[in-house]
Amino acid sequence: MLDAIRWDTDLIRRYDLAGPRYTSYPTALQFDDHVGTFDLFHALRDSRKAQRPLSLYVHVPFCANICYYCACNKVITKDRGRALPYLQRLEQEIQLIACHLDPAQTVEQLHFGGGTPTFLSHDELRQLMARLRKSFNLLEDDSGDYGIEIDPREADWSTMGLLRELGFNRVSIGLQDLDPAVQRAVNRLQSLEQTRAVIDAARTLQFRSINIDLIYGLPRQTPDNFARTVDEVIALQPDRLSVFNYAHLPERFMPQRRINSDELPTPAQKLEMLQGTIQQLTAAGYRYIGMDHFALPDDELAIAQEESTLQRNFQGYTTHGHCDLIGLGVSAISQIGDLYCQNSSDLTQYQNALASSQPATHRGLLCNADDRLRRAVIQQLTCHFSLEFARIEHAFNIDFQGYFAELWPQLQSMAADGLIELDNEKISVLPAGRLLVRSVCMVFDAYLGAQNPQRFSRVI
């Protein structure tokens, strides 16, 4: 089976390195300030001429409470009024970007992330969606993938009803862990009942898909208490699960400094948690999609992987990788053709730029021919665990083995270790290597040698 995984502790210990998650290649660490407004407008013009469909990402940075593990771009505040000036600038950005696109370009995918999008009031959510519908060609027949991240502590039945009314049909629910001691250690007290109520509402209101996020490696977690959390989550029957490895980087993320590092589980315990979770989810019928993601067999991601149409972008695994991704809001990233660009991550700078009727583009990268080639290689490996050289050779007019001749010894070593199968026609990531596919991708990363590995989480 495509989703088969074989646990090999020795292989994991040798290849469990720190490296990128490859939501893009090149990664965001390669972005610089040479990319600006001109590049953005040029890319939008090309998108308009090509009539490419769109994927919109809207970043709402506000949270009422801080979660100590969080590494997202966020603003912690109890003052709900702080959202108003931000929304005013966000609406300006929506208008500014939309006028460079064609109204006929359909929005196949929409995602609200954060922060906590439901920090916004019902009226604010209505107004924001009205502006998006006025400026972009959002689908009206519920056929699009329109998702939103939910904190069950910030949502109730009326909130879920509003979101469904506004056109959302997918929800992603932050859960992380259900054990009260773990929740206290990371300052996120959230009961199973709160989570179940949101899921019950989503099902009753006919949301199409429910995703739950879990994190292993948090303080006070043990293999036993995390297994109980996973059992409870399986009973909720989400369509998808994301099971992330907590990366403790307090030197980079200030909230993590509030975590007592003495309470973190050992590397051996983390491996035991992951191994147990995989066994539990597999026994419950979930398929391993890759890179921490699991889905039921009838989920669109699992079907796309079976049909070799699965793709990956800044929103993770997707069936809409053919769309141009437009990021709106502070720190949001766009991928338009071969252009990556990111808005300022500083709230004041973001708002000031738009107050001057200028995009908030802060940095980015324009892919060259080598970037496009390696991006295609990494995409195939992360989405399908296989790479046929002929497809790459035909698409990029190269001889694969000749182009990557200097990498061949590393690939042969991985093949000898049982991570991959390698011949003159293809690379196949073996069941024992699928948890470590990031390590295989790292071989093809032309930028990795110049990066500080402390900027990345470990593969497992």
Protein backbone atom coordinates (compact mmCIF):
# COMPACT_ATOMS: atom_id res chain seq x y z
CA MET A 1 0.00 0.00 0.00
CA LEU A 2 1.12 3.54 -0.76
CA ASP A 3 0.63 4.61 2.85
CA ALA A 4 2.63 1.71 4.36
CA ILE A 5 5.26 2.68 6.94
CA ARG A 6 7.86 0.42 8.45
CA TRP A 7 9.35 1.60 11.73
CA ASP A 8 13.14 1.25 11.76
CA THR A 9 14.64 2.75 14.91
CA ASP A 10 18.23 2.46 13.71
CA LEU A 11 17.46 4.21 10.43
CA ILE A 12 15.56 6.94 12.26
CA ARG A 13 18.48 7.61 14.61
CA ARG A 14 20.87 7.99 11.66
CA TYR A 15 18.66 10.18 9.49
CA ASP A 16 16.64 12.17 12.03
CA LEU A 17 18.32 15.45 11.11
CA ALA A 18 17.25 19.08 11.42
CA GLY A 19 15.88 20.33 8.13
CA PRO A 20 13.15 22.25 6.26
CA ARG A 21 9.54 21.12 6.01
CA TYR A 22 9.54 22.04 2.30
CA THR A 23 6.21 23.81 2.09
CA SER A 24 8.21 25.61 -0.59
CA TYR A 25 11.48 25.24 -2.40
CA PRO A 26 13.50 27.37 -2.06
CA THR A 27 12.38 27.81 1.54
CA ALA A 28 11.40 31.13 3.11
CA LEU A 29 14.90 31.41 4.60
CA GLN A 30 16.13 32.28 1.11
CA PHE A 31 13.82 35.28 0.78
CA ASP A 32 15.52 38.68 0.70
CA ASP A 33 14.56 42.33 0.29
CA HIS A 34 15.48 42.48 -3.41
CA VAL A 35 11.92 41.47 -4.21
CA GLY A 36 9.39 44.28 -3.97
CA THR A 37 6.24 45.87 -5.31
CA PHE A 38 7.32 45.85 -8.97
CA ASP A 39 7.92 42.09 -8.87
CA LEU A 40 4.54 41.50 -7.22
CA PHE A 41 2.63 43.56 -9.80
CA HIS A 42 4.50 41.87 -12.65
CA ALA A 43 3.59 38.42 -11.29
CA LEU A 44 -0.05 39.43 -10.81
CA ARG A 45 -0.16 40.65 -14.41
CA ASP A 46 1.17 37.29 -15.63
CA SER A 47 -1.43 35.49 -13.51
CA ARG A 48 -4.16 37.65 -15.03
CA LYS A 49 -2.95 37.00 -18.59
CA ALA A 50 -2.77 33.25 -17.97
CA GLN A 51 -6.19 33.26 -16.25
CA ARG A 52 -4.86 30.97 -13.53
CA PRO A 53 -7.25 30.07 -10.70
CA LEU A 54 -6.52 31.42 -7.24
CA SER A 55 -5.98 30.25 -3.69
CA LEU A 56 -6.37 32.94 -1.03
CA TYR A 57 -4.75 32.86 2.41
CA VAL A 58 -5.90 35.47 4.96
CA HIS A 59 -3.84 35.92 8.13
CA VAL A 60 -5.63 37.11 11.28
CA PRO A 61 -2.84 37.49 13.88
CA PHE A 62 -4.81 38.08 17.08
CA CYS A 63 -5.13 35.70 20.02
CA ALA A 64 -6.72 36.39 23.39
CA ASN A 65 -4.33 34.00 25.17
CA ILE A 66 -0.77 32.89 24.59
CA CYS A 67 0.14 29.24 24.03
CA TYR A 68 3.74 28.79 25.13
CA TYR A 69 4.67 26.36 22.34
CA CYS A 70 3.44 28.62 19.53
CA ALA A 71 5.82 29.83 16.83
CA CYS A 72 3.19 31.58 14.68
CA ASN A 73 3.10 35.29 13.87
CA LYS A 74 0.58 36.55 16.42
CA VAL A 75 -0.55 39.45 18.59
CA ILE A 76 -1.70 38.55 22.10
CA THR A 77 -4.39 40.91 23.35
CA LYS A 78 -7.68 40.89 25.26
CA ASP A 79 -8.67 44.12 23.50
CA ARG A 80 -10.96 43.05 20.64
CA GLY A 81 -10.88 46.64 19.38
CA ARG A 82 -7.34 46.14 18.12
CA ALA A 83 -8.73 44.18 15.20
CA LEU A 84 -10.50 47.20 13.66
CA PRO A 85 -7.49 49.15 12.34
CA TYR A 86 -5.96 45.90 11.11
CA LEU A 87 -9.12 44.97 9.22
CA GLN A 88 -9.22 48.41 7.62
CA ARG A 89 -5.71 47.92 6.22
CA LEU A 90 -6.48 44.32 5.26
CA GLU A 91 -9.46 45.49 3.21
CA GLN A 92 -7.20 48.04 1.51
CA GLU A 93 -4.78 45.26 0.65
CA ILE A 94 -7.59 43.11 -0.74
CA GLN A 95 -8.67 45.92 -3.05
CA LEU A 96 -5.10 46.79 -4.03
CA ILE A 97 -4.24 43.23 -5.04
CA ALA A 98 -7.60 42.38 -6.64
CA CYS A 99 -7.46 45.27 -9.08
CA HIS A 100 -4.40 43.66 -10.72
CA LEU A 101 -6.25 40.38 -11.33
CA ASP A 102 -9.10 39.41 -13.63
CA PRO A 103 -12.57 39.06 -12.07
CA ALA A 104 -12.91 35.82 -14.05
CA GLN A 105 -10.12 34.12 -12.07
CA THR A 106 -11.98 31.83 -9.70
CA VAL A 107 -10.95 31.34 -6.08
CA GLU A 108 -10.83 27.56 -5.76
CA GLN A 109 -9.33 27.62 -2.26
CA LEU A 110 -9.65 30.02 0.66
CA HIS A 111 -8.08 29.66 4.08
CA PHE A 112 -8.23 31.87 7.17
CA GLY A 113 -5.30 31.28 9.53
CA GLY A 114 -3.64 32.94 12.46
CA GLY A 115 -3.54 33.66 15.29
CA THR A 116 -7.18 32.90 15.96
CA PRO A 117 -9.47 33.96 13.07
CA THR A 118 -12.53 33.68 15.31
CA PHE A 119 -11.01 36.40 17.50
CA LEU A 120 -12.98 38.62 15.12
CA SER A 121 -16.58 39.44 15.95
CA HIS A 122 -19.41 38.06 13.84
CA ASP A 123 -19.93 41.46 12.22
CA GLU A 124 -16.22 41.75 11.44
CA LEU A 125 -16.18 38.30 9.85
CA ARG A 126 -19.25 39.18 7.78
CA GLN A 127 -17.67 42.41 6.59
CA LEU A 128 -14.35 40.78 5.74
CA MET A 129 -16.03 38.02 3.71
CA ALA A 130 -18.21 40.59 1.95
CA ARG A 131 -15.08 42.51 0.91
CA LEU A 132 -13.44 39.31 -0.36
CA ARG A 133 -16.55 38.39 -2.37
CA LYS A 134 -16.76 41.88 -3.83
CA SER A 135 -13.09 41.92 -4.84
CA PHE A 136 -12.49 38.29 -5.87
CA ASN A 137 -14.48 35.66 -7.74
CA LEU A 138 -15.42 33.39 -4.84
CA LEU A 139 -17.48 30.33 -5.74
CA GLU A 140 -21.11 30.43 -4.63
CA ASP A 141 -21.98 26.75 -5.02
CA ASP A 142 -19.98 25.31 -2.08
CA SER A 143 -17.64 23.55 -4.53
CA GLY A 144 -14.52 25.43 -3.37
CA ASP A 145 -12.25 24.38 -0.52
CA TYR A 146 -12.91 27.19 1.96
CA GLY A 147 -11.33 26.50 5.35
CA ILE A 148 -10.69 28.25 8.63
CA GLU A 149 -8.62 27.50 11.72
CA ILE A 150 -10.69 27.14 14.87
CA ASP A 151 -9.78 27.43 18.53
CA PRO A 152 -12.66 25.62 20.31
CA ARG A 153 -12.30 28.03 23.22
CA GLU A 154 -13.20 30.87 20.83
CA ALA A 155 -16.10 29.24 18.97
CA ASP A 156 -19.60 27.94 19.72
CA TRP A 157 -22.60 26.73 17.74
CA SER A 158 -23.52 30.26 16.63
CA THR A 159 -19.96 30.86 15.44
CA MET A 160 -19.97 27.63 13.45
CA GLY A 161 -23.35 28.53 11.97
CA LEU A 162 -22.03 31.90 10.90
CA LEU A 163 -18.93 30.38 9.30
CA ARG A 164 -21.05 27.90 7.34
CA GLU A 165 -23.34 30.73 6.23
CA LEU A 166 -20.32 32.71 5.02
CA GLY A 167 -19.22 29.83 2.80
CA PHE A 168 -16.65 27.95 4.87
CA ASN A 169 -16.86 24.18 4.45
CA ARG A 170 -13.64 22.98 6.12
CA VAL A 171 -12.37 23.51 9.65
CA SER A 172 -8.97 22.89 11.20
CA ILE A 173 -9.11 22.54 14.97
CA GLY A 174 -6.16 23.16 17.26
CA LEU A 175 -6.13 20.56 20.02
CA GLN A 176 -2.45 19.65 20.67
CA ASP A 177 -3.05 17.51 23.81
CA LEU A 178 -5.93 16.67 26.13
CA ASP A 179 -3.98 15.90 29.30
CA PRO A 180 -4.66 18.66 31.89
CA ALA A 181 -1.06 18.65 33.18
CA VAL A 182 0.30 19.14 29.67
CA GLN A 183 -2.26 21.84 28.97
CA ARG A 184 -1.26 23.74 32.10
CA ALA A 185 2.42 23.48 31.17
CA VAL A 186 1.76 25.16 27.80
CA ASN A 187 -1.00 27.53 28.99
CA ARG A 188 -3.74 26.07 26.81
CA LEU A 189 -6.61 24.76 28.91
CA GLN A 190 -9.08 23.16 26.52
CA SER A 191 -11.51 20.41 27.43
CA LEU A 192 -12.55 17.47 25.31
CA GLU A 193 -16.13 18.70 25.67
CA GLN A 194 -15.28 22.07 24.09
CA THR A 195 -13.62 20.33 21.17
CA ARG A 196 -16.43 17.80 20.74
CA ALA A 197 -19.05 20.58 20.72
CA VAL A 198 -17.32 22.34 17.81
CA ILE A 199 -16.97 19.08 15.88
CA ASP A 200 -20.63 18.15 16.51
CA ALA A 201 -21.63 21.58 15.22
CA ALA A 202 -19.45 21.20 12.13
CA ARG A 203 -20.98 17.82 11.32
CA THR A 204 -24.54 18.98 11.91
CA LEU A 205 -23.93 22.03 9.70
CA GLN A 206 -22.43 19.78 6.99
CA PHE A 207 -18.89 21.08 6.92
CA ARG A 208 -17.14 18.88 4.37
CA SER A 209 -13.92 18.18 6.26
CA ILE A 210 -12.57 18.37 9.80
CA ASN A 211 -8.84 18.43 10.61
CA ILE A 212 -7.35 18.16 14.10
CA ASP A 213 -3.82 19.27 15.02
CA LEU A 214 -1.80 17.38 17.65
CA ILE A 215 1.72 18.05 18.93
CA TYR A 216 4.03 15.48 20.47
CA GLY A 217 7.08 16.45 22.51
CA LEU A 218 5.36 18.99 24.78
CA PRO A 219 6.28 19.33 28.47
CA ARG A 220 4.85 16.65 30.81
CA GLN A 221 3.86 14.44 27.89
CA THR A 222 4.54 10.72 28.23
CA PRO A 223 3.92 7.91 25.75
CA ASP A 224 1.02 6.73 27.89
CA ASN A 225 -0.82 10.02 28.35
CA PHE A 226 -0.31 11.02 24.70
CA ALA A 227 -1.71 7.63 23.61
CA ARG A 228 -4.85 8.44 25.62
CA THR A 229 -5.17 11.76 23.77
CA VAL A 230 -4.82 9.99 20.42
CA ASP A 231 -7.52 7.47 21.42
CA GLU A 232 -9.89 10.29 22.32
CA VAL A 233 -9.16 12.04 19.03
CA ILE A 234 -9.76 8.87 17.01
CA ALA A 235 -13.15 8.61 18.71
CA LEU A 236 -13.95 12.08 17.31
CA GLN A 237 -13.31 10.71 13.77
CA PRO A 238 -11.71 13.74 12.09
CA ASP A 239 -11.16 13.40 8.35
CA ARG A 240 -7.53 14.49 8.67
CA LEU A 241 -4.94 14.72 11.42
CA SER A 242 -1.70 16.67 11.64
CA VAL A 243 0.69 15.25 14.23
CA PHE A 244 3.55 17.70 14.64
CA ASN A 245 6.88 17.31 16.37
CA TYR A 246 7.32 20.13 18.89
CA ALA A 247 10.54 22.02 18.14
CA HIS A 248 11.80 23.70 21.31
CA LEU A 249 13.61 26.81 20.06
CA PRO A 250 13.35 29.33 22.91
CA GLU A 251 16.20 31.41 21.48
CA ARG A 252 13.97 32.12 18.45
CA PHE A 253 10.46 32.14 19.91
CA MET A 254 10.04 34.11 23.12
CA PRO A 255 6.86 32.38 24.40
CA GLN A 256 8.76 29.07 24.50
CA ARG A 257 11.01 30.52 27.19
CA ARG A 258 8.11 30.01 29.61
CA ILE A 259 8.35 26.25 29.10
CA ASN A 260 10.37 24.34 31.68
CA SER A 261 12.86 22.43 29.53
CA ASP A 262 13.31 19.91 32.37
CA GLU A 263 9.72 18.81 31.79
CA LEU A 264 10.21 18.03 28.08
CA PRO A 265 10.13 14.35 27.12
CA THR A 266 13.39 12.71 26.11
CA PRO A 267 14.16 12.00 22.43
CA ALA A 268 13.50 8.30 23.10
CA GLN A 269 10.09 9.12 24.59
CA LYS A 270 9.24 11.30 21.59
CA LEU A 271 10.05 8.45 19.24
CA GLU A 272 7.88 6.13 21.33
CA MET A 273 5.02 8.64 21.12
CA LEU A 274 5.29 8.88 17.34
CA GLN A 275 5.56 5.13 16.87
CA GLY A 276 2.53 4.53 19.10
CA THR A 277 0.53 7.25 17.33
CA ILE A 278 1.25 5.74 13.92
CA GLN A 279 0.12 2.33 15.16
CA GLN A 280 -3.06 3.76 16.67
CA LEU A 281 -3.99 5.78 13.60
CA THR A 282 -3.18 2.97 11.18
CA ALA A 283 -5.31 0.54 13.19
CA ALA A 284 -8.15 3.08 13.05
CA GLY A 285 -7.97 3.21 9.25
CA TYR A 286 -6.02 6.41 8.70
CA ARG A 287 -3.50 6.63 5.89
CA TYR A 288 -0.11 8.26 6.22
CA ILE A 289 -0.02 11.03 3.62
CA GLY A 290 3.45 12.24 4.57
CA MET A 291 5.20 14.95 6.60
CA ASP A 292 3.12 14.46 9.80
CA HIS A 293 -0.23 14.22 7.98
CA PHE A 294 -2.81 11.44 8.12
CA ALA A 295 -6.19 11.14 6.40
CA LEU A 296 -9.06 8.72 6.04
CA PRO A 297 -9.01 6.75 2.75
CA ASP A 298 -11.99 8.67 1.29
CA ASP A 299 -10.45 12.08 2.04
CA GLU A 300 -9.44 14.20 -0.96
CA LEU A 301 -5.77 14.15 0.06
CA ALA A 302 -5.66 10.35 0.16
CA ILE A 303 -7.48 10.11 -3.17
CA ALA A 304 -5.16 12.68 -4.77
CA GLN A 305 -2.13 10.75 -3.57
CA GLU A 306 -3.55 7.56 -5.05
CA GLU A 307 -4.11 9.38 -8.35
CA SER A 308 -0.66 11.10 -8.26
CA THR A 309 -2.20 14.59 -8.28
CA LEU A 310 -1.30 15.60 -4.71
CA GLN A 311 0.80 18.76 -4.35
CA ARG A 312 2.37 20.81 -1.58
CA ASN A 313 2.60 24.55 -0.94
CA PHE A 314 2.64 27.04 1.93
CA GLN A 315 -0.72 25.69 3.09
CA GLY A 316 0.72 22.17 3.32
CA TYR A 317 -0.59 19.24 1.29
CA THR A 318 -3.17 20.41 -1.21
CA THR A 319 -5.16 19.48 -4.27
CA HIS A 320 -4.89 23.09 -5.49
CA GLY A 321 -1.18 23.43 -6.18
CA HIS A 322 -2.02 24.60 -9.72
CA CYS A 323 -3.52 27.80 -8.30
CA ASP A 324 -1.65 31.02 -7.73
CA LEU A 325 -1.54 31.53 -3.97
CA ILE A 326 -2.28 35.08 -2.81
CA GLY A 327 -1.33 35.79 0.82
CA LEU A 328 -3.19 38.63 2.54
CA GLY A 329 -2.40 40.09 5.95
CA VAL A 330 0.65 40.55 8.11
CA SER A 331 3.46 38.01 7.39
CA ALA A 332 1.37 36.28 4.69
CA ILE A 333 3.27 34.57 1.86
CA SER A 334 2.24 34.47 -1.79
CA GLN A 335 3.38 32.11 -4.53
CA ILE A 336 2.45 33.53 -7.92
CA GLY A 337 4.06 31.64 -10.77
CA ASP A 338 7.79 31.64 -10.02
CA LEU A 339 7.57 34.49 -7.50
CA TYR A 340 7.52 34.02 -3.75
CA CYS A 341 6.84 37.16 -1.74
CA GLN A 342 6.04 37.82 1.90
CA ASN A 343 4.36 40.72 3.63
CA SER A 344 6.07 42.40 6.55
CA SER A 345 5.85 40.37 9.75
CA ASP A 346 5.71 43.56 11.81
CA LEU A 347 2.14 44.70 12.39
CA THR A 348 3.00 48.41 12.44
CA GLN A 349 5.07 48.20 9.25
CA TYR A 350 2.33 46.24 7.53
CA GLN A 351 -0.33 48.79 8.45
CA ASN A 352 1.89 51.78 7.59
CA ALA A 353 2.65 50.46 4.11
CA LEU A 354 -1.02 50.06 3.29
CA ALA A 355 -1.83 53.42 4.86
CA SER A 356 0.42 54.80 2.09
CA SER A 357 -1.54 52.81 -0.51
CA GLN A 358 1.43 50.51 -1.08
CA PRO A 359 1.55 46.72 -0.82
CA ALA A 360 3.19 45.44 2.35
CA THR A 361 5.66 43.27 0.38
CA HIS A 362 8.79 43.00 2.49
CA ARG A 363 10.89 40.24 0.96
CA GLY A 364 10.77 37.34 -1.44
CA LEU A 365 12.47 35.36 -4.18
CA LEU A 366 12.14 34.84 -7.92
CA CYS A 367 12.87 31.22 -8.79
CA ASN A 368 15.55 30.51 -11.38
CA ALA A 369 15.73 27.45 -13.64
CA ASP A 370 17.63 25.38 -11.06
CA ASP A 371 15.11 26.30 -8.35
CA ARG A 372 12.22 25.17 -10.55
CA LEU A 373 13.93 21.87 -11.30
CA ARG A 374 14.74 21.06 -7.69
CA ARG A 375 11.28 22.21 -6.60
CA ALA A 376 9.72 19.65 -8.95
CA VAL A 377 12.00 16.91 -7.59
CA ILE A 378 11.22 17.72 -3.96
CA GLN A 379 7.49 18.01 -4.71
CA GLN A 380 7.41 14.52 -6.21
CA LEU A 381 9.25 13.01 -3.26
CA THR A 382 7.19 14.68 -0.53
CA CYS A 383 3.83 13.99 -2.20
CA HIS A 384 4.33 10.60 -3.84
CA PHE A 385 7.46 9.03 -2.30
CA SER A 386 8.76 8.37 -5.79
CA LEU A 387 10.53 10.18 -8.60
CA GLU A 388 10.69 9.03 -12.22
CA PHE A 389 13.74 10.56 -13.86
CA ALA A 390 12.16 10.57 -17.34
CA ARG A 391 9.40 12.96 -16.24
CA ILE A 392 11.92 15.45 -14.90
CA GLU A 393 14.19 15.03 -17.92
CA HIS A 394 11.29 15.69 -20.30
CA ALA A 395 10.00 18.70 -18.34
CA PHE A 396 13.39 20.37 -17.88
CA ASN A 397 15.42 19.05 -20.84
CA ILE A 398 18.22 17.59 -18.72
CA ASP A 399 19.93 14.28 -18.11
CA PHE A 400 18.98 13.53 -14.51
CA GLN A 401 22.02 11.50 -13.49
CA GLY A 402 24.34 13.92 -15.23
CA TYR A 403 22.73 17.01 -13.65
CA PHE A 404 22.83 15.54 -10.16
CA ALA A 405 26.06 13.54 -10.56
CA GLU A 406 27.63 15.01 -7.42
CA LEU A 407 24.64 13.86 -5.34
CA TRP A 408 24.73 10.28 -6.57
CA PRO A 409 27.06 8.95 -3.83
CA GLN A 410 24.66 10.28 -1.14
CA LEU A 411 21.69 8.66 -2.85
CA GLN A 412 23.57 5.38 -3.19
CA SER A 413 24.38 5.51 0.52
CA MET A 414 20.70 6.04 1.34
CA ALA A 415 19.84 3.10 -0.92
CA ALA A 416 22.39 0.90 0.85
CA ASP A 417 20.84 1.87 4.19
CA GLY A 418 17.35 0.91 3.04
CA LEU A 419 15.95 4.45 3.00
CA ILE A 420 15.30 4.49 -0.74
CA GLU A 421 15.42 2.20 -3.75
CA LEU A 422 17.61 3.65 -6.52
CA ASP A 423 18.12 2.55 -10.11
CA ASN A 424 18.75 4.24 -13.46
CA GLU A 425 15.09 5.15 -13.91
CA LYS A 426 13.72 6.29 -10.56
CA ILE A 427 13.97 6.87 -6.82
CA SER A 428 11.41 5.12 -4.62
CA VAL A 429 11.20 6.01 -0.94
CA LEU A 430 10.82 2.68 0.86
CA PRO A 431 8.36 2.12 3.73
CA ALA A 432 11.20 2.44 6.26
CA GLY A 433 12.17 5.80 4.72
CA ARG A 434 8.80 7.50 4.42
CA LEU A 435 8.93 9.11 7.84
CA LEU A 436 12.34 10.45 6.81
CA VAL A 437 11.45 11.78 3.37
CA ARG A 438 12.61 15.25 4.41
CA SER A 439 16.12 13.82 4.75
CA VAL A 440 15.93 12.56 1.16
CA CYS A 441 14.75 15.97 -0.04
CA MET A 442 17.62 17.66 1.77
CA VAL A 443 20.06 15.93 -0.60
CA PHE A 444 18.57 17.98 -3.46
CA ASP A 445 18.51 21.30 -1.55
CA ALA A 446 21.16 23.55 -3.10
CA TYR A 447 20.92 26.10 -0.27
CA LEU A 448 21.05 23.85 2.77
CA GLY A 449 24.81 23.83 3.29
CA ALA A 450 24.82 27.57 3.97
CA GLN A 451 21.97 27.39 6.52
CA ASN A 452 22.19 27.21 10.29
CA PRO A 453 20.55 23.85 11.19
CA GLN A 454 19.25 25.41 14.42
CA ARG A 455 16.72 27.29 12.28
CA PHE A 456 14.91 24.01 11.57
CA SER A 457 12.99 21.37 13.46
CA ARG A 458 14.19 17.77 13.37
CA VAL A 459 12.69 15.44 10.81
CA ILE A 460 11.08 13.37 13.60
